[in-house]
Amino acid sequence: MKRKERFYDIISGSPLVLVVFYAKWCAPCNTMHPTLKQVAKEFPGSFRVLKIDIDKNQASVQKLKIQSVPTLMIYHNGKVV
């Protein structure tokens, strides 16, 4: 069984990570997803996309002080850039 990856392991272990905080009920979030898929397709292997559902990850959202969705953050070697 594969171990579930943790947020801080992902942002520290990959050179570039786009973290997307979203909610299923958020219309702008739903509109944005096809664009994110297209960008990832155009730049394969350049960065990793990590989508975080705010309703399922409230502790992380509070810790990172996310106040609205969608919120996009880019991490480089574990730090927000």
Protein backbone atom coordinates (compact mmCIF):
# COMPACT_ATOMS: atom_id res chain seq x y z
CA MET A 1 0.00 0.00 0.00
CA LYS A 2 1.38 3.39 -1.01
CA ARG A 3 1.80 5.93 1.78
CA LYS A 4 -0.34 9.04 1.39
CA GLU A 5 1.89 12.00 0.58
CA ARG A 6 1.90 14.89 3.02
CA PHE A 7 1.64 18.54 2.00
CA TYR A 8 5.04 19.57 3.38
CA ASP A 9 6.75 16.52 1.84
CA ILE A 10 5.35 17.48 -1.56
CA ILE A 11 6.28 21.17 -1.48
CA SER A 12 9.75 20.38 -0.16
CA GLY A 13 10.44 17.42 -2.42
CA SER A 14 9.53 18.92 -5.78
CA PRO A 15 11.41 21.86 -7.28
CA LEU A 16 8.23 23.73 -8.31
CA VAL A 17 4.71 23.12 -7.00
CA LEU A 18 1.55 25.03 -7.86
CA VAL A 19 -0.84 24.65 -4.93
CA VAL A 20 -4.48 25.33 -5.74
CA PHE A 21 -6.92 25.79 -2.87
CA TYR A 22 -10.44 25.25 -4.16
CA ALA A 23 -13.97 24.14 -3.26
CA LYS A 24 -16.41 22.09 -5.30
CA TRP A 25 -19.09 24.75 -4.79
CA CYS A 26 -16.81 27.57 -6.07
CA ALA A 27 -17.77 28.61 -9.62
CA PRO A 28 -14.46 30.41 -10.39
CA CYS A 29 -12.57 27.32 -9.15
CA ASN A 30 -14.51 25.09 -11.51
CA THR A 31 -13.93 27.49 -14.41
CA MET A 32 -10.19 27.60 -13.72
CA HIS A 33 -9.54 23.83 -13.73
CA PRO A 34 -9.52 23.32 -17.53
CA THR A 35 -6.97 26.15 -17.87
CA LEU A 36 -4.72 24.59 -15.22
CA LYS A 37 -4.90 21.24 -17.02
CA GLN A 38 -3.93 22.92 -20.29
CA VAL A 39 -0.96 24.72 -18.73
CA ALA A 40 0.25 21.48 -17.13
CA LYS A 41 -0.09 19.75 -20.50
CA GLU A 42 1.92 22.47 -22.27
CA PHE A 43 4.76 22.28 -19.73
CA PRO A 44 5.03 18.59 -18.83
CA GLY A 45 7.40 17.83 -15.98
CA SER A 46 8.09 21.52 -15.29
CA PHE A 47 5.98 21.71 -12.15
CA ARG A 48 3.58 19.72 -10.05
CA VAL A 49 -0.01 20.77 -9.38
CA LEU A 50 -1.42 20.05 -5.94
CA LYS A 51 -5.15 20.67 -5.54
CA ILE A 52 -6.46 21.06 -1.98
CA ASP A 53 -10.17 21.01 -1.23
CA ILE A 54 -10.70 23.56 1.55
CA ASP A 55 -13.76 21.75 2.88
CA LYS A 56 -11.78 18.54 3.43
CA ASN A 57 -8.58 20.19 4.71
CA GLN A 58 -9.74 22.92 7.09
CA ALA A 59 -6.76 22.57 9.44
CA SER A 60 -4.30 23.25 6.60
CA VAL A 61 -6.40 26.14 5.33
CA GLN A 62 -6.39 27.76 8.77
CA LYS A 63 -2.68 27.17 9.29
CA LEU A 64 -1.83 28.77 5.92
CA LYS A 65 -4.40 31.57 6.49
CA ILE A 66 -6.29 30.95 3.24
CA GLN A 67 -9.18 33.43 3.20
CA SER A 68 -10.80 32.86 -0.18
CA VAL A 69 -10.98 30.47 -3.08
CA PRO A 70 -9.53 30.00 -5.51
CA THR A 71 -6.13 30.71 -3.99
CA LEU A 72 -3.02 29.75 -5.94
CA MET A 73 0.43 29.57 -4.37
CA ILE A 74 3.71 28.61 -6.01
CA TYR A 75 6.30 26.83 -3.90
CA HIS A 76 9.95 26.47 -4.87
CA ASN A 77 11.98 24.09 -2.72
CA GLY A 78 9.48 24.37 0.13
CA LYS A 79 9.08 28.17 0.14
CA VAL A 80 6.35 30.38 -1.28
CA VAL A 81 7.63 32.48 -4.17
